[in-house]
């Protein structure tokens, strides 16, 4: 069993990813609103306010999705459906997707 972690920067893909997760029977996913460190510092910590000028205007909210999966069954289907929807996690603008071992649940 693996824990699938998706840190989604491209919020326009959020509903599509949720739809795919539901289609593949992963409805118990947990969704967390998250924020990049540099965005948090630029917006919330006064001594780093100058970062706003360097970074420009960017969205500060990301979506983090966590769900347990069977890597052999789930992951190939999930990647195929993402590709069909043209959601590419190789692009840094999209976000990060990874799995980690979850031996004890």
PDB file of N, CA and C in Angstrom:
ATOM      1  N   UNK A   1       0.847  -1.175   0.000  1.00  0.00           N
ATOM      2  CA  UNK A   1       0.000   0.000   0.000  1.00  0.00           C
ATOM      3  C   UNK A   1       0.896   1.243   0.000  1.00  0.00           C
ATOM      4  N   UNK A   2       0.467   2.244  -0.718  1.00  0.00           N
ATOM      5  CA  UNK A   2       1.211   3.504  -0.817  1.00  0.00           C
ATOM      6  C   UNK A   2       0.302   4.670  -0.434  1.00  0.00           C
ATOM      7  N   UNK A   3       0.938   5.726   0.029  1.00  0.00           N
ATOM      8  CA  UNK A   3       0.240   6.983   0.250  1.00  0.00           C
ATOM      9  C   UNK A   3       0.550   7.867  -0.949  1.00  0.00           C
ATOM     10  N   UNK A   4      -0.482   8.234  -1.690  1.00  0.00           N
ATOM     11  CA  UNK A   4      -0.335   9.146  -2.822  1.00  0.00           C
ATOM     12  C   UNK A   4      -0.483  10.565  -2.294  1.00  0.00           C
ATOM     13  N   UNK A   5       0.499  11.393  -2.591  1.00  0.00           N
ATOM     14  CA  UNK A   5       0.489  12.796  -2.184  1.00  0.00           C
ATOM     15  C   UNK A   5       0.531  13.643  -3.446  1.00  0.00           C
ATOM     16  N   UNK A   6      -0.452  14.519  -3.570  1.00  0.00           N
ATOM     17  CA  UNK A   6      -0.494  15.451  -4.699  1.00  0.00           C
ATOM     18  C   UNK A   6      -0.497  16.853  -4.117  1.00  0.00           C
ATOM     19  N   UNK A   7       0.507  17.640  -4.451  1.00  0.00           N
ATOM     20  CA  UNK A   7       0.533  19.052  -4.080  1.00  0.00           C
ATOM     21  C   UNK A   7       0.274  19.808  -5.373  1.00  0.00           C
ATOM     22  N   UNK A   8      -0.933  20.315  -5.492  1.00  0.00           N
ATOM     23  CA  UNK A   8      -1.405  20.891  -6.750  1.00  0.00           C
ATOM     24  C   UNK A   8      -1.306  22.411  -6.718  1.00  0.00           C
ATOM     25  N   UNK A   9      -0.457  22.948  -7.574  1.00  0.00           N
ATOM     26  CA  UNK A   9      -0.325  24.397  -7.714  1.00  0.00           C
ATOM     27  C   UNK A   9      -1.313  24.943  -8.734  1.00  0.00           C
ATOM     28  N   UNK A  10      -1.627  24.152  -9.746  1.00  0.00           N
ATOM     29  CA  UNK A  10      -2.511  24.574 -10.836  1.00  0.00           C
ATOM     30  C   UNK A  10      -3.950  24.236 -10.446  1.00  0.00           C
ATOM     31  N   UNK A  11      -4.589  25.168  -9.776  1.00  0.00           N
ATOM     32  CA  UNK A  11      -5.924  24.926  -9.237  1.00  0.00           C
ATOM     33  C   UNK A  11      -6.958  24.625 -10.326  1.00  0.00           C
ATOM     34  N   UNK A  12      -6.676  24.996 -11.562  1.00  0.00           N
ATOM     35  CA  UNK A  12      -7.610  24.720 -12.642  1.00  0.00           C
ATOM     36  C   UNK A  12      -7.764  23.216 -12.900  1.00  0.00           C
ATOM     37  N   UNK A  13      -6.838  22.404 -12.399  1.00  0.00           N
ATOM     38  CA  UNK A  13      -6.914  20.948 -12.564  1.00  0.00           C
ATOM     39  C   UNK A  13      -7.589  20.254 -11.377  1.00  0.00           C
ATOM     40  N   UNK A  14      -7.922  20.996 -10.351  1.00  0.00           N
ATOM     41  CA  UNK A  14      -8.410  20.411  -9.102  1.00  0.00           C
ATOM     42  C   UNK A  14      -9.657  19.545  -9.303  1.00  0.00           C
ATOM     43  N   UNK A  15     -10.674  20.083  -9.929  1.00  0.00           N
ATOM     44  CA  UNK A  15     -11.920  19.330 -10.099  1.00  0.00           C
ATOM     45  C   UNK A  15     -11.720  18.101 -10.984  1.00  0.00           C
ATOM     46  N   UNK A  16     -10.886  18.224 -11.996  1.00  0.00           N
ATOM     47  CA  UNK A  16     -10.615  17.081 -12.873  1.00  0.00           C
ATOM     48  C   UNK A  16      -9.931  15.970 -12.091  1.00  0.00           C
ATOM     49  N   UNK A  17      -8.952  16.324 -11.276  1.00  0.00           N
ATOM     50  CA  UNK A  17      -8.249  15.318 -10.472  1.00  0.00           C
ATOM     51  C   UNK A  17      -9.207  14.661  -9.485  1.00  0.00           C
ATOM     52  N   UNK A  18     -10.074  15.447  -8.863  1.00  0.00           N
ATOM     53  CA  UNK A  18     -11.062  14.857  -7.947  1.00  0.00           C
ATOM     54  C   UNK A  18     -11.982  13.893  -8.694  1.00  0.00           C
ATOM     55  N   UNK A  19     -12.367  14.244  -9.894  1.00  0.00           N
ATOM     56  CA  UNK A  19     -13.215  13.384 -10.704  1.00  0.00           C
ATOM     57  C   UNK A  19     -12.509  12.064 -11.026  1.00  0.00           C
ATOM     58  N   UNK A  20     -11.240  12.155 -11.386  1.00  0.00           N
ATOM     59  CA  UNK A  20     -10.461  10.952 -11.691  1.00  0.00           C
ATOM     60  C   UNK A  20     -10.329  10.078 -10.446  1.00  0.00           C
ATOM     61  N   UNK A  21     -10.032  10.689  -9.302  1.00  0.00           N
ATOM     62  CA  UNK A  21      -9.910   9.923  -8.058  1.00  0.00           C
ATOM     63  C   UNK A  21     -11.213   9.200  -7.730  1.00  0.00           C
ATOM     64  N   UNK A  22     -12.327   9.869  -7.932  1.00  0.00           N
ATOM     65  CA  UNK A  22     -13.630   9.254  -7.677  1.00  0.00           C
ATOM     66  C   UNK A  22     -13.881   8.108  -8.653  1.00  0.00           C
ATOM     67  N   UNK A  23     -13.558   8.332  -9.927  1.00  0.00           N
ATOM     68  CA  UNK A  23     -13.735   7.300 -10.943  1.00  0.00           C
ATOM     69  C   UNK A  23     -12.922   6.047 -10.622  1.00  0.00           C
ATOM     70  N   UNK A  24     -11.741   6.245 -10.041  1.00  0.00           N
ATOM     71  CA  UNK A  24     -10.864   5.116  -9.713  1.00  0.00           C
ATOM     72  C   UNK A  24     -11.101   4.591  -8.297  1.00  0.00           C
ATOM     73  N   UNK A  25     -12.209   5.003  -7.691  1.00  0.00           N
ATOM     74  CA  UNK A  25     -12.621   4.520  -6.382  1.00  0.00           C
ATOM     75  C   UNK A  25     -11.638   4.886  -5.267  1.00  0.00           C
ATOM     76  N   UNK A  26     -11.275   6.156  -5.231  1.00  0.00           N
ATOM     77  CA  UNK A  26     -10.465   6.685  -4.129  1.00  0.00           C
ATOM     78  C   UNK A  26     -11.205   7.866  -3.495  1.00  0.00           C
ATOM     79  N   UNK A  27     -12.481   7.653  -3.101  1.00  0.00           N
ATOM     80  CA  UNK A  27     -13.279   8.769  -2.594  1.00  0.00           C
ATOM     81  C   UNK A  27     -12.913   9.218  -1.177  1.00  0.00           C
ATOM     82  N   UNK A  28     -12.066   8.453  -0.500  1.00  0.00           N
ATOM     83  CA  UNK A  28     -11.704   8.809   0.873  1.00  0.00           C
ATOM     84  C   UNK A  28     -10.456   9.680   0.944  1.00  0.00           C
ATOM     85  N   UNK A  29     -10.131  10.328  -0.135  1.00  0.00           N
ATOM     86  CA  UNK A  29      -8.971  11.216  -0.153  1.00  0.00           C
ATOM     87  C   UNK A  29      -9.202  12.388   0.804  1.00  0.00           C
ATOM     88  N   UNK A  30      -8.120  12.867   1.370  1.00  0.00           N
ATOM     89  CA  UNK A  30      -8.163  14.039   2.239  1.00  0.00           C
ATOM     90  C   UNK A  30      -7.601  15.220   1.462  1.00  0.00           C
ATOM     91  N   UNK A  31      -8.280  16.357   1.548  1.00  0.00           N
ATOM     92  CA  UNK A  31      -7.865  17.562   0.829  1.00  0.00           C
ATOM     93  C   UNK A  31      -7.506  18.627   1.851  1.00  0.00           C
ATOM     94  N   UNK A  32      -6.334  19.193   1.686  1.00  0.00           N
ATOM     95  CA  UNK A  32      -5.835  20.220   2.599  1.00  0.00           C
ATOM     96  C   UNK A  32      -5.483  21.451   1.781  1.00  0.00           C
ATOM     97  N   UNK A  33      -5.953  22.614   2.211  1.00  0.00           N
ATOM     98  CA  UNK A  33      -5.507  23.850   1.566  1.00  0.00           C
ATOM     99  C   UNK A  33      -4.124  24.154   2.112  1.00  0.00           C
ATOM    100  N   UNK A  34      -3.192  24.412   1.218  1.00  0.00           N
ATOM    101  CA  UNK A  34      -1.807  24.631   1.623  1.00  0.00           C
ATOM    102  C   UNK A  34      -1.244  25.846   0.903  1.00  0.00           C
ATOM    103  N   UNK A  35      -0.016  26.184   1.251  1.00  0.00           N
ATOM    104  CA  UNK A  35       0.594  27.394   0.713  1.00  0.00           C
ATOM    105  C   UNK A  35       2.098  27.180   0.583  1.00  0.00           C
ATOM    106  N   UNK A  36       2.683  27.678  -0.498  1.00  0.00           N
ATOM    107  CA  UNK A  36       4.129  27.608  -0.674  1.00  0.00           C
ATOM    108  C   UNK A  36       4.810  28.486   0.365  1.00  0.00           C
ATOM    109  N   UNK A  37       5.977  28.055   0.822  1.00  0.00           N
ATOM    110  CA  UNK A  37       6.710  28.789   1.852  1.00  0.00           C
ATOM    111  C   UNK A  37       7.010  30.223   1.431  1.00  0.00           C
ATOM    112  N   UNK A  38       7.499  30.415   0.210  1.00  0.00           N
ATOM    113  CA  UNK A  38       7.861  31.777  -0.200  1.00  0.00           C
ATOM    114  C   UNK A  38       6.631  32.685  -0.275  1.00  0.00           C
ATOM    115  N   UNK A  39       5.490  32.118  -0.627  1.00  0.00           N
ATOM    116  CA  UNK A  39       4.269  32.919  -0.662  1.00  0.00           C
ATOM    117  C   UNK A  39       3.822  33.281   0.753  1.00  0.00           C
ATOM    118  N   UNK A  40       3.932  32.322   1.657  1.00  0.00           N
ATOM    119  CA  UNK A  40       3.575  32.590   3.045  1.00  0.00           C
ATOM    120  C   UNK A  40       4.465  33.689   3.616  1.00  0.00           C
ATOM    121  N   UNK A  41       5.772  33.565   3.415  1.00  0.00           N
ATOM    122  CA  UNK A  41       6.702  34.562   3.947  1.00  0.00           C
ATOM    123  C   UNK A  41       6.441  35.942   3.350  1.00  0.00           C
ATOM    124  N   UNK A  42       6.220  35.991   2.047  1.00  0.00           N
ATOM    125  CA  UNK A  42       6.002  37.274   1.376  1.00  0.00           C
ATOM    126  C   UNK A  42       4.727  37.956   1.839  1.00  0.00           C
ATOM    127  N   UNK A  43       3.710  37.178   2.170  1.00  0.00           N
ATOM    128  CA  UNK A  43       2.423  37.760   2.524  1.00  0.00           C
ATOM    129  C   UNK A  43       2.176  37.909   4.014  1.00  0.00           C
ATOM    130  N   UNK A  44       2.844  37.109   4.839  1.00  0.00           N
ATOM    131  CA  UNK A  44       2.501  37.083   6.259  1.00  0.00           C
ATOM    132  C   UNK A  44       3.615  37.521   7.209  1.00  0.00           C
ATOM    133  N   UNK A  45       4.861  37.511   6.740  1.00  0.00           N
ATOM    134  CA  UNK A  45       5.990  37.844   7.607  1.00  0.00           C
ATOM    135  C   UNK A  45       6.604  39.150   7.107  1.00  0.00           C
ATOM    136  N   UNK A  46       6.450  40.216   7.883  1.00  0.00           N
ATOM    137  CA  UNK A  46       6.862  41.548   7.416  1.00  0.00           C
ATOM    138  C   UNK A  46       8.307  41.657   6.917  1.00  0.00           C
ATOM    139  N   UNK A  47       9.246  40.973   7.558  1.00  0.00           N
ATOM    140  CA  UNK A  47      10.640  41.137   7.127  1.00  0.00           C
ATOM    141  C   UNK A  47      10.906  40.531   5.752  1.00  0.00           C
ATOM    142  N   UNK A  48       9.978  39.694   5.260  1.00  0.00           N
ATOM    143  CA  UNK A  48      10.131  39.089   3.940  1.00  0.00           C
ATOM    144  C   UNK A  48       9.195  39.710   2.902  1.00  0.00           C
ATOM    145  N   UNK A  49       8.566  40.817   3.239  1.00  0.00           N
ATOM    146  CA  UNK A  49       7.585  41.426   2.328  1.00  0.00           C
ATOM    147  C   UNK A  49       8.193  41.777   0.973  1.00  0.00           C
ATOM    148  N   UNK A  50       9.476  42.016   0.911  1.00  0.00           N
ATOM    149  CA  UNK A  50      10.148  42.322  -0.348  1.00  0.00           C
ATOM    150  C   UNK A  50      10.089  41.185  -1.347  1.00  0.00           C
ATOM    151  N   UNK A  51       9.833  39.983  -0.872  1.00  0.00           N
ATOM    152  CA  UNK A  51       9.708  38.840  -1.782  1.00  0.00           C
ATOM    153  C   UNK A  51       8.561  39.018  -2.768  1.00  0.00           C
ATOM    154  N   UNK A  52       7.530  39.762  -2.363  1.00  0.00           N
ATOM    155  CA  UNK A  52       6.385  39.972  -3.253  1.00  0.00           C
ATOM    156  C   UNK A  52       6.817  40.598  -4.564  1.00  0.00           C
ATOM    157  N   UNK A  53       7.759  41.541  -4.495  1.00  0.00           N
ATOM    158  CA  UNK A  53       8.236  42.200  -5.708  1.00  0.00           C
ATOM    159  C   UNK A  53       9.006  41.222  -6.589  1.00  0.00           C
ATOM    160  N   UNK A  54       9.791  40.347  -5.978  1.00  0.00           N
ATOM    161  CA  UNK A  54      10.593  39.378  -6.729  1.00  0.00           C
ATOM    162  C   UNK A  54       9.700  38.326  -7.376  1.00  0.00           C
ATOM    163  N   UNK A  55       8.721  37.834  -6.614  1.00  0.00           N
ATOM    164  CA  UNK A  55       7.862  36.746  -7.068  1.00  0.00           C
ATOM    165  C   UNK A  55       6.774  37.214  -8.015  1.00  0.00           C
ATOM    166  N   UNK A  56       6.394  38.465  -7.917  1.00  0.00           N
ATOM    167  CA  UNK A  56       5.260  38.938  -8.699  1.00  0.00           C
ATOM    168  C   UNK A  56       3.974  38.448  -8.060  1.00  0.00           C
ATOM    169  N   UNK A  57       2.871  38.688  -8.708  1.00  0.00           N
ATOM    170  CA  UNK A  57       1.581  38.251  -8.187  1.00  0.00           C
ATOM    171  C   UNK A  57       1.364  36.782  -8.534  1.00  0.00           C
ATOM    172  N   UNK A  58       1.264  35.960  -7.536  1.00  0.00           N
ATOM    173  CA  UNK A  58       0.972  34.543  -7.742  1.00  0.00           C
ATOM    174  C   UNK A  58      -0.103  34.124  -6.757  1.00  0.00           C
ATOM    175  N   UNK A  59      -0.783  33.050  -7.096  1.00  0.00           N
ATOM    176  CA  UNK A  59      -1.785  32.525  -6.175  1.00  0.00           C
ATOM    177  C   UNK A  59      -1.074  31.927  -4.979  1.00  0.00           C
ATOM    178  N   UNK A  60      -1.646  32.129  -3.812  1.00  0.00           N
ATOM    179  CA  UNK A  60      -0.984  31.604  -2.629  1.00  0.00           C
ATOM    180  C   UNK A  60      -1.574  30.283  -2.169  1.00  0.00           C
ATOM    181  N   UNK A  61      -2.738  29.905  -2.663  1.00  0.00           N
ATOM    182  CA  UNK A  61      -3.378  28.685  -2.190  1.00  0.00           C
ATOM    183  C   UNK A  61      -3.060  27.524  -3.121  1.00  0.00           C
ATOM    184  N   UNK A  62      -2.620  26.441  -2.528  1.00  0.00           N
ATOM    185  CA  UNK A  62      -2.415  25.185  -3.240  1.00  0.00           C
ATOM    186  C   UNK A  62      -3.386  24.178  -2.636  1.00  0.00           C
ATOM    187  N   UNK A  63      -3.568  23.076  -3.290  1.00  0.00           N
ATOM    188  CA  UNK A  63      -4.376  21.985  -2.756  1.00  0.00           C
ATOM    189  C   UNK A  63      -3.450  20.796  -2.558  1.00  0.00           C
ATOM    190  N   UNK A  64      -3.485  20.218  -1.377  1.00  0.00           N
ATOM    191  CA  UNK A  64      -2.743  19.000  -1.104  1.00  0.00           C
ATOM    192  C   UNK A  64      -3.760  17.878  -0.933  1.00  0.00           C
ATOM    193  N   UNK A  65      -3.594  16.817  -1.712  1.00  0.00           N
ATOM    194  CA  UNK A  65      -4.518  15.684  -1.698  1.00  0.00           C
ATOM    195  C   UNK A  65      -3.738  14.460  -1.229  1.00  0.00           C
ATOM    196  N   UNK A  66      -4.284  13.770  -0.236  1.00  0.00           N
ATOM    197  CA  UNK A  66      -3.673  12.564   0.304  1.00  0.00           C
ATOM    198  C   UNK A  66      -4.660  11.415   0.189  1.00  0.00           C
ATOM    199  N   UNK A  67      -4.199  10.276  -0.300  1.00  0.00           N
ATOM    200  CA  UNK A  67      -5.060   9.100  -0.349  1.00  0.00           C
ATOM    201  C   UNK A  67      -4.201   7.838  -0.392  1.00  0.00           C
ATOM    202  N   UNK A  68      -4.706   6.767   0.208  1.00  0.00           N
ATOM    203  CA  UNK A  68      -4.016   5.486   0.171  1.00  0.00           C
ATOM    204  C   UNK A  68      -4.420   4.741  -1.098  1.00  0.00           C
ATOM    205  N   UNK A  69      -3.436   4.147  -1.747  1.00  0.00           N
ATOM    206  CA  UNK A  69      -3.692   3.462  -3.014  1.00  0.00           C
ATOM    207  C   UNK A  69      -2.949   2.134  -3.065  1.00  0.00           C
ATOM    208  N   UNK A  70      -3.404   1.263  -3.948  1.00  0.00           N
ATOM    209  CA  UNK A  70      -2.667   0.077  -4.340  1.00  0.00           C
ATOM    210  C   UNK A  70      -1.855   0.505  -5.560  1.00  0.00           C
ATOM    211  N   UNK A  71      -0.568   0.616  -5.380  1.00  0.00           N
ATOM    212  CA  UNK A  71       0.281   1.197  -6.427  1.00  0.00           C
ATOM    213  C   UNK A  71       0.194   0.437  -7.747  1.00  0.00           C
ATOM    214  N   UNK A  72       0.161  -0.895  -7.696  1.00  0.00           N
ATOM    215  CA  UNK A  72       0.163  -1.689  -8.928  1.00  0.00           C
ATOM    216  C   UNK A  72      -1.144  -1.556  -9.693  1.00  0.00           C
ATOM    217  N   UNK A  73      -2.244  -1.455  -8.995  1.00  0.00           N
ATOM    218  CA  UNK A  73      -3.557  -1.357  -9.639  1.00  0.00           C
ATOM    219  C   UNK A  73      -3.910   0.091 -10.006  1.00  0.00           C
ATOM    220  N   UNK A  74      -3.755   0.966  -9.056  1.00  0.00           N
ATOM    221  CA  UNK A  74      -4.271   2.336  -9.164  1.00  0.00           C
ATOM    222  C   UNK A  74      -3.388   3.248 -10.011  1.00  0.00           C
ATOM    223  N   UNK A  75      -2.097   3.266  -9.717  1.00  0.00           N
ATOM    224  CA  UNK A  75      -1.200   4.275 -10.289  1.00  0.00           C
ATOM    225  C   UNK A  75      -1.140   4.274 -11.821  1.00  0.00           C
ATOM    226  N   UNK A  76      -1.033   3.131 -12.495  1.00  0.00           N
ATOM    227  CA  UNK A  76      -1.012   3.179 -13.970  1.00  0.00           C
ATOM    228  C   UNK A  76      -2.297   3.780 -14.552  1.00  0.00           C
ATOM    229  N   UNK A  77      -3.435   3.422 -13.988  1.00  0.00           N
ATOM    230  CA  UNK A  77      -4.707   3.963 -14.472  1.00  0.00           C
ATOM    231  C   UNK A  77      -4.783   5.470 -14.211  1.00  0.00           C
ATOM    232  N   UNK A  78      -4.333   5.878 -13.039  1.00  0.00           N
ATOM    233  CA  UNK A  78      -4.371   7.292 -12.667  1.00  0.00           C
ATOM    234  C   UNK A  78      -3.494   8.116 -13.609  1.00  0.00           C
ATOM    235  N   UNK A  79      -2.277   7.645 -13.849  1.00  0.00           N
ATOM    236  CA  UNK A  79      -1.362   8.359 -14.750  1.00  0.00           C
ATOM    237  C   UNK A  79      -1.936   8.442 -16.164  1.00  0.00           C
ATOM    238  N   UNK A  80      -2.569   7.361 -16.621  1.00  0.00           N
ATOM    239  CA  UNK A  80      -3.166   7.351 -17.961  1.00  0.00           C
ATOM    240  C   UNK A  80      -4.279   8.392 -18.068  1.00  0.00           C
ATOM    241  N   UNK A  81      -5.145   8.453 -17.055  1.00  0.00           N
ATOM    242  CA  UNK A  81      -6.247   9.426 -17.083  1.00  0.00           C
ATOM    243  C   UNK A  81      -5.735  10.858 -16.963  1.00  0.00           C
ATOM    244  N   UNK A  82      -4.683  11.065 -16.180  1.00  0.00           N
ATOM    245  CA  UNK A  82      -4.075  12.400 -16.112  1.00  0.00           C
ATOM    246  C   UNK A  82      -3.545  12.808 -17.484  1.00  0.00           C
ATOM    247  N   UNK A  83      -2.874  11.898 -18.165  1.00  0.00           N
ATOM    248  CA  UNK A  83      -2.319  12.192 -19.493  1.00  0.00           C
ATOM    249  C   UNK A  83      -3.436  12.516 -20.482  1.00  0.00           C
ATOM    250  N   UNK A  84      -4.545  11.771 -20.409  1.00  0.00           N
ATOM    251  CA  UNK A  84      -5.674  12.039 -21.305  1.00  0.00           C
ATOM    252  C   UNK A  84      -6.241  13.439 -21.083  1.00  0.00           C
ATOM    253  N   UNK A  85      -6.175  13.920 -19.847  1.00  0.00           N
ATOM    254  CA  UNK A  85      -6.662  15.263 -19.514  1.00  0.00           C
ATOM    255  C   UNK A  85      -5.579  16.331 -19.679  1.00  0.00           C
ATOM    256  N   UNK A  86      -4.406  15.899 -20.139  1.00  0.00           N
ATOM    257  CA  UNK A  86      -3.263  16.798 -20.350  1.00  0.00           C
ATOM    258  C   UNK A  86      -2.815  17.486 -19.063  1.00  0.00           C
ATOM    259  N   UNK A  87      -2.825  16.715 -17.970  1.00  0.00           N
ATOM    260  CA  UNK A  87      -2.319  17.192 -16.680  1.00  0.00           C
ATOM    261  C   UNK A  87      -0.935  16.583 -16.515  1.00  0.00           C
ATOM    262  N   UNK A  88       0.093  17.437 -16.529  1.00  0.00           N
ATOM    263  CA  UNK A  88       1.482  16.988 -16.561  1.00  0.00           C
ATOM    264  C   UNK A  88       2.220  17.449 -15.305  1.00  0.00           C
ATOM    265  N   UNK A  89       2.524  16.507 -14.427  1.00  0.00           N
ATOM    266  CA  UNK A  89       3.257  16.842 -13.214  1.00  0.00           C
ATOM    267  C   UNK A  89       4.754  16.987 -13.457  1.00  0.00           C
ATOM    268  N   UNK A  90       5.204  16.807 -14.701  1.00  0.00           N
ATOM    269  CA  UNK A  90       6.593  17.109 -15.035  1.00  0.00           C
ATOM    270  C   UNK A  90       6.792  18.615 -15.174  1.00  0.00           C
ATOM    271  N   UNK A  91       5.703  19.343 -15.303  1.00  0.00           N
ATOM    272  CA  UNK A  91       5.756  20.804 -15.351  1.00  0.00           C
ATOM    273  C   UNK A  91       5.698  21.336 -13.919  1.00  0.00           C
ATOM    274  N   UNK A  92       6.670  22.159 -13.540  1.00  0.00           N
ATOM    275  CA  UNK A  92       6.717  22.661 -12.158  1.00  0.00           C
ATOM    276  C   UNK A  92       5.524  23.558 -11.824  1.00  0.00           C
ATOM    277  N   UNK A  93       4.866  24.106 -12.848  1.00  0.00           N
ATOM    278  CA  UNK A  93       3.691  24.942 -12.600  1.00  0.00           C
ATOM    279  C   UNK A  93       2.492  24.126 -12.114  1.00  0.00           C
ATOM    280  N   UNK A  94       2.460  22.853 -12.477  1.00  0.00           N
ATOM    281  CA  UNK A  94       1.328  21.999 -12.101  1.00  0.00           C
ATOM    282  C   UNK A  94       1.387  21.636 -10.629  1.00  0.00           C
ATOM    283  N   UNK A  95       2.532  21.201 -10.172  1.00  0.00           N
ATOM    284  CA  UNK A  95       2.692  20.786  -8.786  1.00  0.00           C
ATOM    285  C   UNK A  95       3.569  19.559  -8.697  1.00  0.00           C
ATOM    286  N   UNK A  96       3.352  18.784  -7.628  1.00  0.00           N
ATOM    287  CA  UNK A  96       4.162  17.601  -7.362  1.00  0.00           C
ATOM    288  C   UNK A  96       3.230  16.442  -7.043  1.00  0.00           C
ATOM    289  N   UNK A  97       3.576  15.270  -7.567  1.00  0.00           N
ATOM    290  CA  UNK A  97       2.841  14.056  -7.232  1.00  0.00           C
ATOM    291  C   UNK A  97       3.865  13.002  -6.862  1.00  0.00           C
ATOM    292  N   UNK A  98       3.670  12.340  -5.726  1.00  0.00           N
ATOM    293  CA  UNK A  98       4.594  11.306  -5.299  1.00  0.00           C
ATOM    294  C   UNK A  98       3.879  10.270  -4.459  1.00  0.00           C
ATOM    295  N   UNK A  99       4.508   9.117  -4.304  1.00  0.00           N
ATOM    296  CA  UNK A  99       3.991   8.096  -3.408  1.00  0.00           C
ATOM    297  C   UNK A  99       5.064   7.754  -2.398  1.00  0.00           C
ATOM    298  N   UNK A 100       4.619   7.364  -1.213  1.00  0.00           N
ATOM    299  CA  UNK A 100       5.531   6.856  -0.203  1.00  0.00           C
ATOM    300  C   UNK A 100       4.934   5.583   0.372  1.00  0.00           C
ATOM    301  N   UNK A 101       5.792   4.705   0.834  1.00  0.00           N
ATOM    302  CA  UNK A 101       5.340   3.438   1.393  1.00  0.00           C
ATOM    303  C   UNK A 101       4.503   3.698   2.643  1.00  0.00           C
ATOM    304  N   UNK A 102       3.429   2.944   2.761  1.00  0.00           N
ATOM    305  CA  UNK A 102       2.569   3.020   3.942  1.00  0.00           C
ATOM    306  C   UNK A 102       2.378   1.595   4.431  1.00  0.00           C
ATOM    307  N   UNK A 103       3.387   1.080   5.119  1.00  0.00           N
ATOM    308  CA  UNK A 103       3.384  -0.310   5.532  1.00  0.00           C
ATOM    309  C   UNK A 103       2.407  -0.600   6.669  1.00  0.00           C
ATOM    310  N   UNK A 104       2.198   0.378   7.543  1.00  0.00           N
ATOM    311  CA  UNK A 104       1.297   0.166   8.668  1.00  0.00           C
ATOM    312  C   UNK A 104       0.209   1.218   8.651  1.00  0.00           C
ATOM    313  N   UNK A 105      -1.006   0.756   8.478  1.00  0.00           N
ATOM    314  CA  UNK A 105      -2.143   1.673   8.419  1.00  0.00           C
ATOM    315  C   UNK A 105      -3.089   1.334   9.543  1.00  0.00           C
TER     316      UNK A 105
END
